[in-house]
Each structure stands twice: as C-alpha cells, then as structure tokens.
C-alpha cells in the first residue's frame, strides 16, 4: 500500500485479486481510506508498524474472491516482532506458534485426527480457499488494538458484506465476541455461520476446544460437492 498519496490524488488500487478489486474499489476511493493511509504514514514515521506494507492485504492476494470457501475472522494482527504477515492467526514459517494458534492446532488434532504440526504458517489454508481476515489490518508494535477505529473495520466489513451478497454457501467460523459481532453482516439464509469462544488461553476451555468446527466445515464442503480443507499445518 502506498501511503504517500494525498486525498486529492487519484485513488491508488493495490495489487490484489481482481474479484476483490471489483468489490472494494469504492472503499479505496472513499475519503476514510485516504485518511487511513495518512494515519499509517504518520504511524510509520514515529513507530514500528506490523505487518510490513506488502503484507497488509495479503489475505486478498492469496484467496481470490471467487475462491473463498471458508472465512475465519480475527481481530487484529499479532504485535510482536516478525509475527504478523497478513493472515489472521497465522505466523511466518520459523516463528514460534502463539498461544491462540496452539489451541487451534490442538482442536484440529482432536477433531480431525493427530498430526505433527510443521509450524504456524497458515498460508496453505489461504491457498485452499480459507480467507484469514482480521478486522483491523495493521497494529503498532507492542500495542494490541492500537489501530482500531482508524478505518480498517469499515474496509473489512465491506469485504464481508460483499462475500455475503455475491457468494452463497460460504462457511463463516466466528470465534469470540468480536468476530461474532460480524454475524450481522452475513446473510444466514445464504451461508453457514458457526460460532465458538475465542481460541485464546483465556477462553478456549469455554467451548472452543471441542467445537468441532474443522470437521463440520469439511462435511459442509463435501455435501456441496467440494473437496475438504487439509487443516494440518
């Protein structure tokens, strides 16, 4: 994302999947998005911001609009050094697996069957049609939720709304209060909405562990005549 454009300049459309570009073009040209870009320029001038610029919209690059089959919503990127790379709950290869992702892997092993995790990089999920989308797409280093309320939520809400409107039969996995608030954007008559507590160690024991969302999603995909997601990491 180029944050140097002025609000009066022609809107710059990032290099993402054309299907996403078609639906999100009005957002890229909206005044709030120009303000968001200026906010990010100021933030980067004074703080370390994650993820790096080329990874901010990575979910929209790895998972084309028409290829989305499952949506997993997170809140905001990891704020530790080197952790965030544009996919919710995922970390780059070689990084230590964060606690929430440890619980996700634990539930997959319980639900689908045992496997030896190769790491915390969930890019293979994204390439299979799992949209790993955070509500907020950037964060200041060491300060969780520091970029909330700056415009990202409006942008990602537009993405969810477009999926609900223009696709059918998608599976939305909503973990925790913040993700479940997005259910208001989803047409439950056209899509499948599965809810559970957040996989954080603070709440996973309240029902995330044991939720069975991974096998349930695959059963729905198979019933639709599709292929299951290979959930092993």
C-alpha atoms as a PDB file:
ATOM      1  CA  UNK A   1       0.000   0.000   0.000  1.00  0.00           C
ATOM      2  CA  UNK A   2       1.380   3.388  -0.950  1.00  0.00           C
ATOM      3  CA  UNK A   3       0.651   5.784   1.897  1.00  0.00           C
ATOM      4  CA  UNK A   4       2.122   8.867   0.237  1.00  0.00           C
ATOM      5  CA  UNK A   5      -0.869   9.791  -1.926  1.00  0.00           C
ATOM      6  CA  UNK A   6      -2.762  12.937  -0.986  1.00  0.00           C
ATOM      7  CA  UNK A   7      -6.563  12.830  -0.598  1.00  0.00           C
ATOM      8  CA  UNK A   8      -6.931  14.842  -3.818  1.00  0.00           C
ATOM      9  CA  UNK A   9      -4.815  12.405  -5.871  1.00  0.00           C
ATOM     10  CA  UNK A  10      -6.484   9.688  -7.952  1.00  0.00           C
ATOM     11  CA  UNK A  11      -7.110   6.647  -5.727  1.00  0.00           C
ATOM     12  CA  UNK A  12      -4.401   4.005  -5.961  1.00  0.00           C
ATOM     13  CA  UNK A  13      -5.751   0.463  -6.138  1.00  0.00           C
ATOM     14  CA  UNK A  14      -3.462  -2.143  -4.523  1.00  0.00           C
ATOM     15  CA  UNK A  15      -2.312  -5.225  -6.380  1.00  0.00           C
ATOM     16  CA  UNK A  16      -4.874  -7.751  -5.145  1.00  0.00           C
ATOM     17  CA  UNK A  17      -7.160 -10.306  -6.744  1.00  0.00           C
ATOM     18  CA  UNK A  18      -9.326  -8.659  -9.483  1.00  0.00           C
ATOM     19  CA  UNK A  19     -12.501 -10.031  -7.919  1.00  0.00           C
ATOM     20  CA  UNK A  20     -11.694  -8.268  -4.687  1.00  0.00           C
ATOM     21  CA  UNK A  21     -10.683  -5.122  -6.543  1.00  0.00           C
ATOM     22  CA  UNK A  22     -14.062  -5.012  -8.269  1.00  0.00           C
ATOM     23  CA  UNK A  23     -15.938  -5.141  -4.963  1.00  0.00           C
ATOM     24  CA  UNK A  24     -13.591  -2.976  -2.899  1.00  0.00           C
ATOM     25  CA  UNK A  25     -12.839  -0.230  -5.426  1.00  0.00           C
ATOM     26  CA  UNK A  26     -15.391   2.140  -3.794  1.00  0.00           C
ATOM     27  CA  UNK A  27     -13.563   1.715  -0.483  1.00  0.00           C
ATOM     28  CA  UNK A  28     -10.170   2.550  -1.996  1.00  0.00           C
ATOM     29  CA  UNK A  29     -11.605   5.791  -3.372  1.00  0.00           C
ATOM     30  CA  UNK A  30     -13.515   6.781  -0.214  1.00  0.00           C
ATOM     31  CA  UNK A  31     -12.342   9.703   1.961  1.00  0.00           C
ATOM     32  CA  UNK A  32     -11.975   7.464   5.012  1.00  0.00           C
ATOM     33  CA  UNK A  33      -9.464   5.283   3.161  1.00  0.00           C
ATOM     34  CA  UNK A  34      -7.349   8.298   2.227  1.00  0.00           C
ATOM     35  CA  UNK A  35      -7.403   9.314   5.890  1.00  0.00           C
ATOM     36  CA  UNK A  36      -6.409   5.791   6.868  1.00  0.00           C
ATOM     37  CA  UNK A  37      -3.407   5.896   4.536  1.00  0.00           C
ATOM     38  CA  UNK A  38      -2.296   9.217   6.033  1.00  0.00           C
ATOM     39  CA  UNK A  39      -2.675   7.766   9.517  1.00  0.00           C
ATOM     40  CA  UNK A  40      -0.397   4.881   8.525  1.00  0.00           C
ATOM     41  CA  UNK A  41       2.203   7.268   7.090  1.00  0.00           C
ATOM     42  CA  UNK A  42       2.277   9.145  10.418  1.00  0.00           C
ATOM     43  CA  UNK A  43       2.407   5.921  12.400  1.00  0.00           C
ATOM     44  CA  UNK A  44       5.318   4.526  10.397  1.00  0.00           C
ATOM     45  CA  UNK A  45       7.195   7.814  10.803  1.00  0.00           C
ATOM     46  CA  UNK A  46       7.015   7.528  14.577  1.00  0.00           C
ATOM     47  CA  UNK A  47       6.536   3.846  15.417  1.00  0.00           C
ATOM     48  CA  UNK A  48       7.146   0.344  14.167  1.00  0.00           C
ATOM     49  CA  UNK A  49       4.005  -0.968  12.463  1.00  0.00           C
ATOM     50  CA  UNK A  50       3.110  -4.569  11.627  1.00  0.00           C
ATOM     51  CA  UNK A  51       2.798  -6.227   9.197  1.00  0.00           C
ATOM     52  CA  UNK A  52       5.143  -4.835   6.561  1.00  0.00           C
ATOM     53  CA  UNK A  53       3.391  -2.864   3.830  1.00  0.00           C
ATOM     54  CA  UNK A  54       3.367  -5.555   1.155  1.00  0.00           C
ATOM     55  CA  UNK A  55       1.668  -7.994   3.542  1.00  0.00           C
ATOM     56  CA  UNK A  56      -1.170  -5.770   4.754  1.00  0.00           C
ATOM     57  CA  UNK A  57      -3.620  -7.017   2.098  1.00  0.00           C
ATOM     58  CA  UNK A  58      -2.086 -10.484   1.730  1.00  0.00           C
ATOM     59  CA  UNK A  59      -5.363 -12.264   2.546  1.00  0.00           C
ATOM     60  CA  UNK A  60      -6.886 -10.662  -0.560  1.00  0.00           C
ATOM     61  CA  UNK A  61      -3.934 -11.804  -2.661  1.00  0.00           C
ATOM     62  CA  UNK A  62      -3.738 -15.437  -1.560  1.00  0.00           C
ATOM     63  CA  UNK A  63      -7.501 -16.074  -1.516  1.00  0.00           C
ATOM     64  CA  UNK A  64      -9.301 -14.722  -4.607  1.00  0.00           C
ATOM     65  CA  UNK A  65     -12.885 -13.580  -4.144  1.00  0.00           C
ATOM     66  CA  UNK A  66     -14.369 -16.402  -6.205  1.00  0.00           C
ATOM     67  CA  UNK A  67     -12.135 -18.988  -4.485  1.00  0.00           C
ATOM     68  CA  UNK A  68     -13.313 -18.245  -0.923  1.00  0.00           C
ATOM     69  CA  UNK A  69     -14.939 -21.264   0.704  1.00  0.00           C
ATOM     70  CA  UNK A  70     -14.387 -20.660   4.419  1.00  0.00           C
ATOM     71  CA  UNK A  71     -13.898 -17.394   6.322  1.00  0.00           C
ATOM     72  CA  UNK A  72     -12.053 -17.199   9.647  1.00  0.00           C
ATOM     73  CA  UNK A  73     -12.211 -13.764  11.266  1.00  0.00           C
ATOM     74  CA  UNK A  74      -9.605 -12.444  13.656  1.00  0.00           C
ATOM     75  CA  UNK A  75      -9.402  -9.129  15.493  1.00  0.00           C
ATOM     76  CA  UNK A  76      -6.056  -7.512  14.660  1.00  0.00           C
ATOM     77  CA  UNK A  77      -2.542  -8.623  13.691  1.00  0.00           C
ATOM     78  CA  UNK A  78      -0.018 -10.006  16.139  1.00  0.00           C
ATOM     79  CA  UNK A  79       2.002  -7.115  17.579  1.00  0.00           C
ATOM     80  CA  UNK A  80       5.257  -8.956  18.252  1.00  0.00           C
ATOM     81  CA  UNK A  81       8.304  -8.626  16.020  1.00  0.00           C
ATOM     82  CA  UNK A  82       8.069 -10.751  12.882  1.00  0.00           C
ATOM     83  CA  UNK A  83       4.764 -12.398  13.780  1.00  0.00           C
ATOM     84  CA  UNK A  84       2.217 -10.666  11.532  1.00  0.00           C
ATOM     85  CA  UNK A  85       2.149 -11.461   7.817  1.00  0.00           C
ATOM     86  CA  UNK A  86      -1.347 -10.507   6.746  1.00  0.00           C
ATOM     87  CA  UNK A  87      -3.308 -13.656   7.653  1.00  0.00           C
ATOM     88  CA  UNK A  88      -5.405 -13.939  10.806  1.00  0.00           C
ATOM     89  CA  UNK A  89      -3.993 -16.295  13.467  1.00  0.00           C
ATOM     90  CA  UNK A  90      -1.036 -17.196  11.201  1.00  0.00           C
ATOM     91  CA  UNK A  91       2.678 -16.540  11.694  1.00  0.00           C
ATOM     92  CA  UNK A  92       5.510 -16.894   9.170  1.00  0.00           C
ATOM     93  CA  UNK A  93       7.481 -20.089   8.888  1.00  0.00           C
ATOM     94  CA  UNK A  94      10.088 -20.353  11.620  1.00  0.00           C
ATOM     95  CA  UNK A  95       8.209 -18.224  14.155  1.00  0.00           C
ATOM     96  CA  UNK A  96       7.096 -19.656  17.490  1.00  0.00           C
ATOM     97  CA  UNK A  97       3.414 -20.655  17.486  1.00  0.00           C
ATOM     98  CA  UNK A  98       1.322 -18.149  19.512  1.00  0.00           C
ATOM     99  CA  UNK A  99      -0.991 -19.493  22.251  1.00  0.00           C
ATOM    100  CA  UNK A 100      -4.264 -18.999  20.321  1.00  0.00           C
ATOM    101  CA  UNK A 101      -2.862 -20.845  17.324  1.00  0.00           C
ATOM    102  CA  UNK A 102      -1.605 -23.598  19.631  1.00  0.00           C
ATOM    103  CA  UNK A 103      -5.212 -24.095  20.740  1.00  0.00           C
ATOM    104  CA  UNK A 104      -6.433 -24.055  17.134  1.00  0.00           C
ATOM    105  CA  UNK A 105      -3.953 -26.813  16.293  1.00  0.00           C
ATOM    106  CA  UNK A 106      -4.972 -28.728  19.422  1.00  0.00           C
ATOM    107  CA  UNK A 107      -8.627 -28.616  18.355  1.00  0.00           C
ATOM    108  CA  UNK A 108      -7.786 -29.734  14.802  1.00  0.00           C
ATOM    109  CA  UNK A 109      -5.862 -32.694  16.222  1.00  0.00           C
ATOM    110  CA  UNK A 110      -8.809 -33.602  18.461  1.00  0.00           C
ATOM    111  CA  UNK A 111     -11.415 -33.026  15.739  1.00  0.00           C
ATOM    112  CA  UNK A 112      -9.758 -34.287  12.550  1.00  0.00           C
ATOM    113  CA  UNK A 113      -7.035 -36.588  13.817  1.00  0.00           C
ATOM    114  CA  UNK A 114      -3.460 -36.489  15.065  1.00  0.00           C
ATOM    115  CA  UNK A 115      -0.722 -34.864  13.024  1.00  0.00           C
ATOM    116  CA  UNK A 116       2.661 -33.311  13.729  1.00  0.00           C
ATOM    117  CA  UNK A 117       2.460 -29.540  13.165  1.00  0.00           C
ATOM    118  CA  UNK A 118       5.057 -28.176  10.761  1.00  0.00           C
ATOM    119  CA  UNK A 119       4.646 -24.666  12.152  1.00  0.00           C
ATOM    120  CA  UNK A 120       2.213 -21.788  12.397  1.00  0.00           C
ATOM    121  CA  UNK A 121       2.155 -20.594   8.782  1.00  0.00           C
ATOM    122  CA  UNK A 122      -1.450 -20.981   7.568  1.00  0.00           C
ATOM    123  CA  UNK A 123      -0.750 -19.865   4.004  1.00  0.00           C
ATOM    124  CA  UNK A 124      -1.756 -23.323   2.772  1.00  0.00           C
ATOM    125  CA  UNK A 125      -5.228 -22.730   4.200  1.00  0.00           C
ATOM    126  CA  UNK A 126      -5.493 -19.427   2.351  1.00  0.00           C
ATOM    127  CA  UNK A 127      -4.466 -21.134  -0.882  1.00  0.00           C
ATOM    128  CA  UNK A 128      -7.266 -23.693  -0.377  1.00  0.00           C
ATOM    129  CA  UNK A 129      -9.933 -21.013  -0.096  1.00  0.00           C
ATOM    130  CA  UNK A 130      -9.854 -20.118   3.605  1.00  0.00           C
ATOM    131  CA  UNK A 131      -9.997 -16.337   3.917  1.00  0.00           C
ATOM    132  CA  UNK A 132      -7.952 -15.472   7.023  1.00  0.00           C
ATOM    133  CA  UNK A 133      -9.176 -11.940   7.652  1.00  0.00           C
ATOM    134  CA  UNK A 134      -8.523  -9.650  10.590  1.00  0.00           C
ATOM    135  CA  UNK A 135     -10.992  -6.847  11.316  1.00  0.00           C
ATOM    136  CA  UNK A 136      -8.056  -4.430  11.642  1.00  0.00           C
ATOM    137  CA  UNK A 137      -5.151  -4.980   9.255  1.00  0.00           C
ATOM    138  CA  UNK A 138      -2.294  -3.126  10.973  1.00  0.00           C
ATOM    139  CA  UNK A 139      -1.031  -2.614  14.516  1.00  0.00           C
ATOM    140  CA  UNK A 140       1.659  -0.648  16.343  1.00  0.00           C
ATOM    141  CA  UNK A 141       4.465  -2.825  17.681  1.00  0.00           C
ATOM    142  CA  UNK A 142       3.784  -3.995  21.196  1.00  0.00           C
ATOM    143  CA  UNK A 143       0.374  -2.305  21.430  1.00  0.00           C
ATOM    144  CA  UNK A 144      -2.582  -4.572  20.757  1.00  0.00           C
ATOM    145  CA  UNK A 145      -5.640  -2.905  19.208  1.00  0.00           C
ATOM    146  CA  UNK A 146      -3.660   0.314  18.656  1.00  0.00           C
ATOM    147  CA  UNK A 147      -5.076   0.808  15.134  1.00  0.00           C
ATOM    148  CA  UNK A 148      -8.702   0.131  15.972  1.00  0.00           C
ATOM    149  CA  UNK A 149     -11.133   2.830  14.895  1.00  0.00           C
ATOM    150  CA  UNK A 150      -8.939   4.261  12.137  1.00  0.00           C
ATOM    151  CA  UNK A 151     -10.941   2.881   9.193  1.00  0.00           C
ATOM    152  CA  UNK A 152      -9.850  -0.710   8.760  1.00  0.00           C
ATOM    153  CA  UNK A 153     -13.056  -2.039  10.286  1.00  0.00           C
ATOM    154  CA  UNK A 154     -15.129  -0.238   7.656  1.00  0.00           C
ATOM    155  CA  UNK A 155     -12.932  -1.716   4.923  1.00  0.00           C
ATOM    156  CA  UNK A 156     -13.059  -5.295   6.186  1.00  0.00           C
ATOM    157  CA  UNK A 157     -16.797  -5.000   6.873  1.00  0.00           C
ATOM    158  CA  UNK A 158     -17.188  -4.118   3.189  1.00  0.00           C
ATOM    159  CA  UNK A 159     -15.294  -7.286   2.273  1.00  0.00           C
ATOM    160  CA  UNK A 160     -17.521  -9.450   4.481  1.00  0.00           C
ATOM    161  CA  UNK A 161     -20.644  -7.755   3.114  1.00  0.00           C
ATOM    162  CA  UNK A 162     -19.512  -8.395  -0.467  1.00  0.00           C
ATOM    163  CA  UNK A 163     -18.995 -12.088   0.275  1.00  0.00           C
ATOM    164  CA  UNK A 164     -22.409 -12.344   1.890  1.00  0.00           C
ATOM    165  CA  UNK A 165     -24.100 -10.564  -1.021  1.00  0.00           C
ATOM    166  CA  UNK A 166     -22.300 -12.008  -4.044  1.00  0.00           C
ATOM    167  CA  UNK A 167     -21.458 -15.554  -2.957  1.00  0.00           C
ATOM    168  CA  UNK A 168     -23.520 -18.377  -1.454  1.00  0.00           C
ATOM    169  CA  UNK A 169     -22.832 -21.403   0.693  1.00  0.00           C
ATOM    170  CA  UNK A 170     -19.780 -19.974   2.420  1.00  0.00           C
ATOM    171  CA  UNK A 171     -18.786 -21.156   5.887  1.00  0.00           C
ATOM    172  CA  UNK A 172     -18.037 -18.416   8.410  1.00  0.00           C
ATOM    173  CA  UNK A 173     -16.185 -19.509  11.545  1.00  0.00           C
ATOM    174  CA  UNK A 174     -16.754 -16.810  14.159  1.00  0.00           C
ATOM    175  CA  UNK A 175     -14.616 -17.283  17.254  1.00  0.00           C
ATOM    176  CA  UNK A 176     -15.121 -14.896  20.138  1.00  0.00           C
ATOM    177  CA  UNK A 177     -17.212 -11.821  20.789  1.00  0.00           C
ATOM    178  CA  UNK A 178     -15.562  -9.521  18.249  1.00  0.00           C
ATOM    179  CA  UNK A 179     -15.862 -11.991  15.384  1.00  0.00           C
ATOM    180  CA  UNK A 180     -19.424 -12.897  16.307  1.00  0.00           C
ATOM    181  CA  UNK A 181     -20.428  -9.238  16.107  1.00  0.00           C
ATOM    182  CA  UNK A 182     -19.801  -9.556  12.352  1.00  0.00           C
ATOM    183  CA  UNK A 183     -22.683 -12.031  12.070  1.00  0.00           C
ATOM    184  CA  UNK A 184     -24.945  -9.016  11.484  1.00  0.00           C
ATOM    185  CA  UNK A 185     -23.222  -8.565   8.105  1.00  0.00           C
ATOM    186  CA  UNK A 186     -23.802 -12.157   6.988  1.00  0.00           C
ATOM    187  CA  UNK A 187     -26.993 -13.492   5.388  1.00  0.00           C
ATOM    188  CA  UNK A 188     -27.545 -16.690   7.380  1.00  0.00           C
ATOM    189  CA  UNK A 189     -30.104 -17.842   4.802  1.00  0.00           C
ATOM    190  CA  UNK A 190     -27.342 -17.998   2.160  1.00  0.00           C
ATOM    191  CA  UNK A 191     -24.358 -19.026   4.273  1.00  0.00           C
ATOM    192  CA  UNK A 192     -23.308 -21.204   7.203  1.00  0.00           C
ATOM    193  CA  UNK A 193     -22.346 -19.407  10.422  1.00  0.00           C
ATOM    194  CA  UNK A 194     -20.551 -21.435  13.102  1.00  0.00           C
ATOM    195  CA  UNK A 195     -19.799 -19.763  16.435  1.00  0.00           C
ATOM    196  CA  UNK A 196     -17.467 -20.666  19.302  1.00  0.00           C
ATOM    197  CA  UNK A 197     -15.469 -18.905  22.022  1.00  0.00           C
ATOM    198  CA  UNK A 198     -12.126 -17.416  21.044  1.00  0.00           C
ATOM    199  CA  UNK A 199      -9.161 -19.848  20.982  1.00  0.00           C
ATOM    200  CA  UNK A 200      -7.202 -17.625  23.381  1.00  0.00           C
ATOM    201  CA  UNK A 201      -5.999 -19.450  26.515  1.00  0.00           C
ATOM    202  CA  UNK A 202      -8.350 -17.150  28.441  1.00  0.00           C
ATOM    203  CA  UNK A 203     -11.454 -18.600  26.760  1.00  0.00           C
ATOM    204  CA  UNK A 204     -10.636 -21.711  24.726  1.00  0.00           C
ATOM    205  CA  UNK A 205     -11.736 -24.004  27.561  1.00  0.00           C
ATOM    206  CA  UNK A 206     -15.216 -22.448  27.468  1.00  0.00           C
ATOM    207  CA  UNK A 207     -16.125 -24.224  24.242  1.00  0.00           C
ATOM    208  CA  UNK A 208     -13.575 -23.607  21.533  1.00  0.00           C
ATOM    209  CA  UNK A 209     -11.819 -26.821  22.443  1.00  0.00           C
ATOM    210  CA  UNK A 210     -14.410 -29.371  21.429  1.00  0.00           C
ATOM    211  CA  UNK A 211     -16.315 -27.132  18.987  1.00  0.00           C
ATOM    212  CA  UNK A 212     -15.694 -29.434  16.017  1.00  0.00           C
ATOM    213  CA  UNK A 213     -15.669 -26.587  13.501  1.00  0.00           C
ATOM    214  CA  UNK A 214     -12.989 -28.095  11.294  1.00  0.00           C
ATOM    215  CA  UNK A 215     -14.761 -31.389  10.646  1.00  0.00           C
ATOM    216  CA  UNK A 216     -18.090 -29.565  10.388  1.00  0.00           C
ATOM    217  CA  UNK A 217     -16.715 -27.249   7.706  1.00  0.00           C
ATOM    218  CA  UNK A 218     -15.373 -30.199   5.744  1.00  0.00           C
ATOM    219  CA  UNK A 219     -18.691 -32.035   5.987  1.00  0.00           C
ATOM    220  CA  UNK A 220     -20.444 -29.000   4.523  1.00  0.00           C
ATOM    221  CA  UNK A 221     -17.895 -28.699   1.734  1.00  0.00           C
ATOM    222  CA  UNK A 222     -18.259 -32.383   0.856  1.00  0.00           C
ATOM    223  CA  UNK A 223     -22.073 -32.078   0.881  1.00  0.00           C
ATOM    224  CA  UNK A 224     -21.694 -29.225  -1.617  1.00  0.00           C
ATOM    225  CA  UNK A 225     -19.679 -31.491  -3.891  1.00  0.00           C
ATOM    226  CA  UNK A 226     -16.391 -29.812  -2.998  1.00  0.00           C
ATOM    227  CA  UNK A 227     -13.129 -31.025  -1.547  1.00  0.00           C
ATOM    228  CA  UNK A 228     -12.320 -30.816   2.168  1.00  0.00           C
ATOM    229  CA  UNK A 229      -9.767 -28.420   3.577  1.00  0.00           C
ATOM    230  CA  UNK A 230      -6.483 -30.010   4.600  1.00  0.00           C
ATOM    231  CA  UNK A 231      -6.303 -28.418   8.043  1.00  0.00           C
ATOM    232  CA  UNK A 232      -2.941 -29.807   9.154  1.00  0.00           C
ATOM    233  CA  UNK A 233      -0.331 -27.056   9.406  1.00  0.00           C
END
